[in-house]
N, C-alpha and C. Protein backbone atom coordinates (compact mmCIF):
# COMPACT_ATOMS: atom_id res chain seq x y z
N UNK A 1 -61.62 51.85 -0.84
CA UNK A 1 -61.80 51.56 -2.26
C UNK A 1 -63.10 50.77 -2.43
N UNK A 2 -63.83 51.13 -3.43
CA UNK A 2 -65.09 50.46 -3.74
C UNK A 2 -64.92 49.59 -4.99
N UNK A 3 -65.44 48.36 -4.94
CA UNK A 3 -65.41 47.52 -6.14
C UNK A 3 -66.18 48.17 -7.28
N UNK A 4 -65.69 48.01 -8.49
CA UNK A 4 -66.38 48.56 -9.66
C UNK A 4 -67.46 47.60 -10.16
N UNK A 5 -67.11 46.33 -10.23
CA UNK A 5 -68.09 45.32 -10.61
C UNK A 5 -67.54 43.95 -10.26
N UNK A 6 -68.43 42.98 -10.20
CA UNK A 6 -68.04 41.59 -9.96
C UNK A 6 -67.89 40.94 -11.33
N UNK A 7 -66.64 40.75 -11.75
CA UNK A 7 -66.42 40.23 -13.11
C UNK A 7 -66.91 38.80 -13.28
N UNK A 8 -67.03 38.05 -12.20
CA UNK A 8 -67.58 36.69 -12.28
C UNK A 8 -69.05 36.75 -12.72
N UNK A 9 -69.80 37.68 -12.14
CA UNK A 9 -71.22 37.83 -12.48
C UNK A 9 -71.41 38.54 -13.81
N UNK A 10 -70.58 39.53 -14.08
CA UNK A 10 -70.74 40.33 -15.30
C UNK A 10 -70.47 39.50 -16.56
N UNK A 11 -69.52 38.58 -16.49
CA UNK A 11 -69.21 37.74 -17.65
C UNK A 11 -68.82 36.34 -17.19
N UNK A 12 -69.83 35.51 -16.93
CA UNK A 12 -69.54 34.15 -16.47
C UNK A 12 -68.63 33.37 -17.43
N UNK A 13 -68.76 33.62 -18.73
CA UNK A 13 -67.91 32.90 -19.68
C UNK A 13 -66.45 33.32 -19.57
N UNK A 14 -66.20 34.59 -19.37
CA UNK A 14 -64.82 35.05 -19.17
C UNK A 14 -64.27 34.46 -17.87
N UNK A 15 -65.08 34.45 -16.83
CA UNK A 15 -64.64 33.88 -15.56
C UNK A 15 -64.34 32.39 -15.71
N UNK A 16 -65.18 31.68 -16.45
CA UNK A 16 -64.94 30.26 -16.69
C UNK A 16 -63.63 30.04 -17.44
N UNK A 17 -63.36 30.90 -18.40
CA UNK A 17 -62.11 30.79 -19.16
C UNK A 17 -60.90 30.99 -18.25
N UNK A 18 -60.97 31.98 -17.37
CA UNK A 18 -59.86 32.23 -16.44
C UNK A 18 -59.71 31.07 -15.46
N UNK A 19 -60.83 30.56 -14.96
CA UNK A 19 -60.77 29.44 -14.04
C UNK A 19 -60.23 28.18 -14.72
N UNK A 20 -60.56 28.02 -15.99
CA UNK A 20 -60.02 26.88 -16.75
C UNK A 20 -58.50 27.02 -16.91
N UNK A 21 -58.04 28.23 -17.20
CA UNK A 21 -56.61 28.48 -17.30
C UNK A 21 -55.92 28.18 -15.97
N UNK A 22 -56.49 28.67 -14.89
CA UNK A 22 -55.93 28.43 -13.56
C UNK A 22 -55.91 26.94 -13.24
N UNK A 23 -56.97 26.24 -13.58
CA UNK A 23 -57.01 24.80 -13.37
C UNK A 23 -55.93 24.08 -14.17
N UNK A 24 -55.73 24.52 -15.41
CA UNK A 24 -54.69 23.93 -16.25
C UNK A 24 -53.31 24.19 -15.66
N UNK A 25 -53.06 25.40 -15.21
CA UNK A 25 -51.77 25.74 -14.60
C UNK A 25 -51.51 24.85 -13.39
N UNK A 26 -52.53 24.65 -12.58
CA UNK A 26 -52.38 23.84 -11.37
C UNK A 26 -52.13 22.36 -11.66
N UNK A 27 -52.40 21.92 -12.88
CA UNK A 27 -52.19 20.52 -13.27
C UNK A 27 -50.88 20.31 -14.01
N UNK A 28 -50.08 21.34 -14.17
CA UNK A 28 -48.84 21.22 -14.95
C UNK A 28 -47.71 20.55 -14.20
N UNK A 29 -47.87 20.39 -12.90
CA UNK A 29 -46.87 19.69 -12.13
C UNK A 29 -45.83 20.56 -11.45
N UNK A 30 -45.98 21.88 -11.55
CA UNK A 30 -45.07 22.77 -10.83
C UNK A 30 -45.40 22.72 -9.34
N UNK A 31 -44.39 22.86 -8.51
CA UNK A 31 -44.56 22.82 -7.06
C UNK A 31 -45.53 23.92 -6.61
N UNK A 32 -46.58 23.56 -5.88
CA UNK A 32 -47.55 24.56 -5.42
C UNK A 32 -46.92 25.67 -4.57
N UNK A 33 -45.93 25.33 -3.77
CA UNK A 33 -45.25 26.36 -2.97
C UNK A 33 -44.50 27.35 -3.83
N UNK A 34 -43.88 26.86 -4.89
CA UNK A 34 -43.20 27.74 -5.84
C UNK A 34 -44.21 28.65 -6.53
N UNK A 35 -45.34 28.08 -6.93
CA UNK A 35 -46.39 28.88 -7.56
C UNK A 35 -46.92 29.96 -6.61
N UNK A 36 -47.02 29.64 -5.33
CA UNK A 36 -47.45 30.65 -4.35
C UNK A 36 -46.50 31.84 -4.37
N UNK A 37 -45.20 31.57 -4.38
CA UNK A 37 -44.21 32.66 -4.40
C UNK A 37 -44.31 33.49 -5.67
N UNK A 38 -44.46 32.81 -6.79
CA UNK A 38 -44.59 33.50 -8.08
C UNK A 38 -45.84 34.37 -8.11
N UNK A 39 -46.95 33.82 -7.66
CA UNK A 39 -48.20 34.58 -7.65
C UNK A 39 -48.11 35.77 -6.71
N UNK A 40 -47.49 35.57 -5.57
CA UNK A 40 -47.34 36.65 -4.62
C UNK A 40 -46.45 37.75 -5.19
N UNK A 41 -45.32 37.38 -5.79
CA UNK A 41 -44.40 38.40 -6.30
C UNK A 41 -45.01 39.19 -7.44
N UNK A 42 -45.66 38.53 -8.38
CA UNK A 42 -46.30 39.26 -9.48
C UNK A 42 -47.38 40.19 -8.94
N UNK A 43 -48.14 39.72 -7.98
CA UNK A 43 -49.21 40.54 -7.40
C UNK A 43 -48.65 41.74 -6.65
N UNK A 44 -47.50 41.58 -5.99
CA UNK A 44 -46.85 42.71 -5.33
C UNK A 44 -46.41 43.74 -6.36
N UNK A 45 -45.77 43.29 -7.40
CA UNK A 45 -45.29 44.20 -8.45
C UNK A 45 -46.46 44.97 -9.06
N UNK A 46 -47.55 44.27 -9.31
CA UNK A 46 -48.71 44.89 -9.95
C UNK A 46 -49.55 45.72 -8.98
N UNK A 47 -49.29 45.59 -7.69
CA UNK A 47 -50.05 46.36 -6.71
C UNK A 47 -51.46 45.84 -6.52
N UNK A 48 -51.62 44.52 -6.59
CA UNK A 48 -52.95 43.93 -6.46
C UNK A 48 -53.18 43.47 -5.02
N UNK A 49 -53.83 44.30 -4.24
CA UNK A 49 -54.07 44.00 -2.82
C UNK A 49 -54.88 42.71 -2.66
N UNK A 50 -55.88 42.53 -3.49
CA UNK A 50 -56.72 41.34 -3.40
C UNK A 50 -55.88 40.07 -3.57
N UNK A 51 -55.03 40.05 -4.60
CA UNK A 51 -54.23 38.86 -4.89
C UNK A 51 -53.08 38.69 -3.91
N UNK A 52 -52.47 39.77 -3.43
CA UNK A 52 -51.44 39.65 -2.40
C UNK A 52 -52.04 38.99 -1.17
N UNK A 53 -53.21 39.44 -0.76
CA UNK A 53 -53.88 38.86 0.39
C UNK A 53 -54.17 37.38 0.16
N UNK A 54 -54.72 37.04 -0.98
CA UNK A 54 -55.09 35.67 -1.29
C UNK A 54 -53.87 34.75 -1.33
N UNK A 55 -52.83 35.16 -2.03
CA UNK A 55 -51.70 34.26 -2.24
C UNK A 55 -50.79 34.17 -1.02
N UNK A 56 -50.73 35.21 -0.22
CA UNK A 56 -49.98 35.08 1.03
C UNK A 56 -50.74 34.15 1.98
N UNK A 57 -52.05 34.23 1.99
CA UNK A 57 -52.86 33.34 2.81
C UNK A 57 -52.72 31.89 2.33
N UNK A 58 -52.79 31.68 1.01
CA UNK A 58 -52.63 30.33 0.45
C UNK A 58 -51.26 29.75 0.83
N UNK A 59 -50.23 30.58 0.75
CA UNK A 59 -48.88 30.12 1.07
C UNK A 59 -48.78 29.73 2.55
N UNK A 60 -49.37 30.53 3.41
CA UNK A 60 -49.36 30.20 4.84
C UNK A 60 -50.05 28.86 5.09
N UNK A 61 -51.18 28.66 4.44
CA UNK A 61 -51.91 27.40 4.61
C UNK A 61 -51.08 26.21 4.15
N UNK A 62 -50.20 26.44 3.18
CA UNK A 62 -49.34 25.38 2.66
C UNK A 62 -48.07 25.21 3.50
N UNK A 63 -47.94 26.05 4.54
CA UNK A 63 -46.82 25.91 5.45
C UNK A 63 -45.68 26.88 5.23
N UNK A 64 -45.86 27.85 4.36
CA UNK A 64 -44.80 28.83 4.12
C UNK A 64 -44.58 29.67 5.36
N UNK A 65 -43.33 30.01 5.64
CA UNK A 65 -43.01 30.80 6.84
C UNK A 65 -43.30 32.28 6.62
N UNK A 66 -43.64 32.93 7.72
CA UNK A 66 -43.87 34.38 7.68
C UNK A 66 -42.60 35.09 7.21
N UNK A 67 -41.47 34.63 7.69
CA UNK A 67 -40.20 35.27 7.35
C UNK A 67 -39.98 35.30 5.84
N UNK A 68 -40.20 34.18 5.19
CA UNK A 68 -40.01 34.14 3.72
C UNK A 68 -41.08 34.96 3.01
N UNK A 69 -42.31 34.92 3.49
CA UNK A 69 -43.36 35.72 2.87
C UNK A 69 -43.02 37.20 2.92
N UNK A 70 -42.55 37.67 4.06
CA UNK A 70 -42.18 39.09 4.18
C UNK A 70 -41.00 39.43 3.28
N UNK A 71 -40.14 38.45 3.03
CA UNK A 71 -38.93 38.70 2.25
C UNK A 71 -39.11 38.58 0.74
N UNK A 72 -40.28 38.17 0.29
CA UNK A 72 -40.47 38.01 -1.15
C UNK A 72 -40.18 39.31 -1.90
N UNK A 73 -40.54 40.44 -1.33
CA UNK A 73 -40.29 41.71 -2.03
C UNK A 73 -38.81 42.04 -2.15
N UNK A 74 -38.00 41.44 -1.29
CA UNK A 74 -36.55 41.70 -1.31
C UNK A 74 -35.77 40.39 -1.44
N UNK A 75 -36.29 39.48 -2.19
CA UNK A 75 -35.73 38.14 -2.30
C UNK A 75 -34.27 38.14 -2.74
N UNK A 76 -33.86 39.09 -3.55
CA UNK A 76 -32.47 39.13 -4.02
C UNK A 76 -31.50 39.40 -2.88
N UNK A 77 -31.96 40.07 -1.83
CA UNK A 77 -31.08 40.47 -0.73
C UNK A 77 -31.13 39.52 0.46
N UNK A 78 -31.81 38.39 0.33
CA UNK A 78 -31.92 37.46 1.45
C UNK A 78 -31.36 36.08 1.07
N UNK A 79 -31.00 35.29 2.08
CA UNK A 79 -30.54 33.92 1.81
C UNK A 79 -31.66 32.89 1.93
N UNK A 80 -32.91 33.34 1.95
CA UNK A 80 -34.03 32.47 2.29
C UNK A 80 -34.58 31.63 1.14
N UNK A 81 -34.13 31.88 -0.08
CA UNK A 81 -34.74 31.23 -1.24
C UNK A 81 -33.73 30.34 -1.96
N UNK A 82 -34.21 29.23 -2.46
CA UNK A 82 -33.36 28.27 -3.17
C UNK A 82 -32.98 28.84 -4.54
N UNK A 83 -31.97 28.28 -5.18
CA UNK A 83 -31.64 28.72 -6.55
C UNK A 83 -32.82 28.58 -7.51
N UNK A 84 -33.58 27.52 -7.37
CA UNK A 84 -34.75 27.33 -8.24
C UNK A 84 -35.81 28.41 -7.99
N UNK A 85 -36.06 28.72 -6.73
CA UNK A 85 -37.02 29.78 -6.41
C UNK A 85 -36.51 31.13 -6.91
N UNK A 86 -35.23 31.38 -6.78
CA UNK A 86 -34.64 32.63 -7.26
C UNK A 86 -34.80 32.77 -8.77
N UNK A 87 -34.58 31.68 -9.48
CA UNK A 87 -34.75 31.71 -10.93
C UNK A 87 -36.21 32.01 -11.29
N UNK A 88 -37.13 31.38 -10.57
CA UNK A 88 -38.56 31.60 -10.84
C UNK A 88 -38.96 33.03 -10.49
N UNK A 89 -38.45 33.56 -9.41
CA UNK A 89 -38.79 34.94 -9.02
C UNK A 89 -38.20 35.95 -10.00
N UNK A 90 -36.98 35.70 -10.46
CA UNK A 90 -36.38 36.60 -11.45
C UNK A 90 -37.19 36.59 -12.75
N UNK A 91 -37.60 35.40 -13.19
CA UNK A 91 -38.40 35.29 -14.42
C UNK A 91 -39.77 35.94 -14.23
N UNK A 92 -40.34 35.78 -13.05
CA UNK A 92 -41.62 36.42 -12.74
C UNK A 92 -41.49 37.94 -12.86
N UNK A 93 -40.45 38.49 -12.28
CA UNK A 93 -40.25 39.94 -12.35
C UNK A 93 -40.01 40.38 -13.79
N UNK A 94 -39.20 39.63 -14.52
CA UNK A 94 -38.89 39.99 -15.91
C UNK A 94 -40.16 40.02 -16.77
N UNK A 95 -41.00 39.00 -16.62
CA UNK A 95 -42.21 38.94 -17.45
C UNK A 95 -43.29 39.90 -16.97
N UNK A 96 -43.40 40.10 -15.67
CA UNK A 96 -44.40 41.02 -15.14
C UNK A 96 -44.07 42.45 -15.55
N UNK A 97 -42.79 42.76 -15.63
CA UNK A 97 -42.33 44.10 -16.04
C UNK A 97 -41.79 44.09 -17.47
N UNK A 98 -42.37 43.29 -18.33
CA UNK A 98 -41.81 43.02 -19.65
C UNK A 98 -41.60 44.28 -20.50
N UNK A 99 -42.44 45.28 -20.34
CA UNK A 99 -42.26 46.51 -21.11
C UNK A 99 -40.94 47.19 -20.76
N UNK A 100 -40.50 47.02 -19.54
CA UNK A 100 -39.24 47.61 -19.09
C UNK A 100 -38.05 46.67 -19.25
N UNK A 101 -38.27 45.37 -19.14
CA UNK A 101 -37.15 44.42 -19.10
C UNK A 101 -36.87 43.73 -20.42
N UNK A 102 -37.90 43.53 -21.22
CA UNK A 102 -37.77 42.75 -22.47
C UNK A 102 -37.25 41.34 -22.20
N UNK A 103 -37.57 40.79 -21.04
CA UNK A 103 -37.17 39.43 -20.66
C UNK A 103 -35.67 39.20 -20.92
N UNK A 104 -34.81 39.75 -20.07
CA UNK A 104 -33.37 39.72 -20.33
C UNK A 104 -32.78 38.32 -20.43
N UNK A 105 -31.74 38.22 -21.24
CA UNK A 105 -31.05 36.95 -21.42
C UNK A 105 -30.53 36.40 -20.10
N UNK A 106 -30.02 37.25 -19.24
CA UNK A 106 -29.48 36.78 -17.96
C UNK A 106 -30.55 36.08 -17.13
N UNK A 107 -31.77 36.62 -17.12
CA UNK A 107 -32.85 35.98 -16.38
C UNK A 107 -33.26 34.66 -17.04
N UNK A 108 -33.24 34.64 -18.37
CA UNK A 108 -33.57 33.40 -19.07
C UNK A 108 -32.51 32.33 -18.84
N UNK A 109 -31.25 32.73 -18.83
CA UNK A 109 -30.18 31.78 -18.56
C UNK A 109 -30.30 31.20 -17.15
N UNK A 110 -30.62 32.05 -16.20
CA UNK A 110 -30.83 31.57 -14.83
C UNK A 110 -32.00 30.59 -14.79
N UNK A 111 -33.09 30.94 -15.46
CA UNK A 111 -34.25 30.07 -15.54
C UNK A 111 -33.86 28.72 -16.15
N UNK A 112 -33.10 28.77 -17.25
CA UNK A 112 -32.70 27.56 -17.96
C UNK A 112 -31.81 26.66 -17.12
N UNK A 113 -31.08 27.25 -16.19
CA UNK A 113 -30.20 26.44 -15.34
C UNK A 113 -30.97 25.66 -14.27
N UNK A 114 -32.19 26.04 -14.02
CA UNK A 114 -32.99 25.41 -12.95
C UNK A 114 -34.23 24.68 -13.44
N UNK A 115 -34.70 24.99 -14.65
CA UNK A 115 -35.96 24.45 -15.13
C UNK A 115 -35.76 23.80 -16.50
N UNK A 116 -36.44 22.68 -16.72
CA UNK A 116 -36.43 22.04 -18.03
C UNK A 116 -37.18 22.91 -19.04
N UNK A 117 -37.08 22.58 -20.30
CA UNK A 117 -37.81 23.33 -21.33
C UNK A 117 -39.30 23.36 -21.03
N UNK A 118 -39.86 22.20 -20.72
CA UNK A 118 -41.29 22.14 -20.42
C UNK A 118 -41.62 23.00 -19.20
N UNK A 119 -40.81 22.90 -18.16
CA UNK A 119 -41.07 23.69 -16.96
C UNK A 119 -40.97 25.19 -17.24
N UNK A 120 -40.09 25.58 -18.13
CA UNK A 120 -39.98 27.00 -18.48
C UNK A 120 -41.27 27.50 -19.12
N UNK A 121 -41.82 26.70 -20.01
CA UNK A 121 -43.09 27.07 -20.64
C UNK A 121 -44.21 27.06 -19.61
N UNK A 122 -44.24 26.03 -18.78
CA UNK A 122 -45.29 25.91 -17.77
C UNK A 122 -45.23 27.08 -16.78
N UNK A 123 -44.04 27.43 -16.33
CA UNK A 123 -43.89 28.56 -15.40
C UNK A 123 -44.30 29.87 -16.08
N UNK A 124 -43.93 30.02 -17.33
CA UNK A 124 -44.32 31.22 -18.07
C UNK A 124 -45.83 31.33 -18.18
N UNK A 125 -46.50 30.22 -18.41
CA UNK A 125 -47.96 30.24 -18.44
C UNK A 125 -48.53 30.62 -17.08
N UNK A 126 -47.94 30.11 -16.02
CA UNK A 126 -48.40 30.45 -14.66
C UNK A 126 -48.23 31.94 -14.40
N UNK A 127 -47.12 32.50 -14.84
CA UNK A 127 -46.87 33.94 -14.67
C UNK A 127 -47.88 34.74 -15.49
N UNK A 128 -48.15 34.29 -16.70
CA UNK A 128 -49.17 34.96 -17.52
C UNK A 128 -50.52 34.94 -16.83
N UNK A 129 -50.87 33.80 -16.25
CA UNK A 129 -52.17 33.66 -15.60
C UNK A 129 -52.31 34.63 -14.42
N UNK A 130 -51.31 34.70 -13.55
CA UNK A 130 -51.45 35.59 -12.40
C UNK A 130 -51.48 37.04 -12.85
N UNK A 131 -50.74 37.38 -13.88
CA UNK A 131 -50.81 38.76 -14.38
C UNK A 131 -52.20 39.08 -14.94
N UNK A 132 -52.84 38.10 -15.55
CA UNK A 132 -54.21 38.30 -16.03
C UNK A 132 -55.17 38.46 -14.86
N UNK A 133 -55.04 37.62 -13.85
CA UNK A 133 -55.88 37.75 -12.66
C UNK A 133 -55.67 39.12 -12.01
N UNK A 134 -54.43 39.56 -11.91
CA UNK A 134 -54.14 40.87 -11.32
C UNK A 134 -54.84 41.97 -12.09
N UNK A 135 -54.83 41.89 -13.39
CA UNK A 135 -55.46 42.94 -14.19
C UNK A 135 -56.97 42.96 -14.02
N UNK A 136 -57.56 41.80 -13.90
CA UNK A 136 -59.00 41.75 -13.62
C UNK A 136 -59.29 42.33 -12.24
N UNK A 137 -58.55 41.88 -11.23
CA UNK A 137 -58.80 42.32 -9.86
C UNK A 137 -58.53 43.81 -9.67
N UNK A 138 -57.46 44.31 -10.26
CA UNK A 138 -57.14 45.74 -10.13
C UNK A 138 -58.12 46.58 -10.96
N UNK A 139 -58.35 46.16 -12.18
CA UNK A 139 -59.23 46.92 -13.07
C UNK A 139 -60.64 47.08 -12.53
N UNK A 140 -61.13 46.02 -11.90
CA UNK A 140 -62.50 46.06 -11.39
C UNK A 140 -62.56 46.26 -9.88
N UNK A 141 -61.37 46.58 -9.28
CA UNK A 141 -61.25 46.95 -7.88
C UNK A 141 -61.76 45.89 -6.91
N UNK A 142 -61.29 44.66 -7.12
CA UNK A 142 -61.61 43.60 -6.16
C UNK A 142 -60.96 43.95 -4.82
N UNK A 143 -61.70 43.77 -3.75
CA UNK A 143 -61.24 44.18 -2.42
C UNK A 143 -61.09 42.92 -1.55
N UNK A 144 -59.96 42.79 -0.84
CA UNK A 144 -59.83 41.65 0.07
C UNK A 144 -60.90 41.71 1.16
N UNK A 145 -61.32 40.53 1.60
CA UNK A 145 -62.29 40.47 2.69
C UNK A 145 -61.67 41.03 3.96
N UNK A 146 -62.45 41.74 4.73
CA UNK A 146 -61.94 42.33 5.99
C UNK A 146 -61.77 41.29 7.05
């Protein structure tokens, strides 16, 4: 696959806006390890090779186990994730596939059982951000470094 363009160079202002959003998400107080899982799962669903590579690498650097990283795609069928992580992963899937799911009440109820109102909004913003990054990376064919 060949990159289509470098969106950072093509529109520095758009890149700055995305980086500002990412910086804001990182300051919301959500656990960085949880955010790694959310970013990885959304990127898997969207088929973003660049972001899957980046976020699995980030998670490893933060101490995440290979076993859990491999299991993110099948998190519902494993005992490796906490109730809070499961709620976040379910909400990630619901919002990433929103055209198909319409953010079901069951997923929201699960989210509400593990996250405060503020955390629900903060997590939703984080999910929105990674989906935006995925669309930039996929649309412009960002390629992971070899």
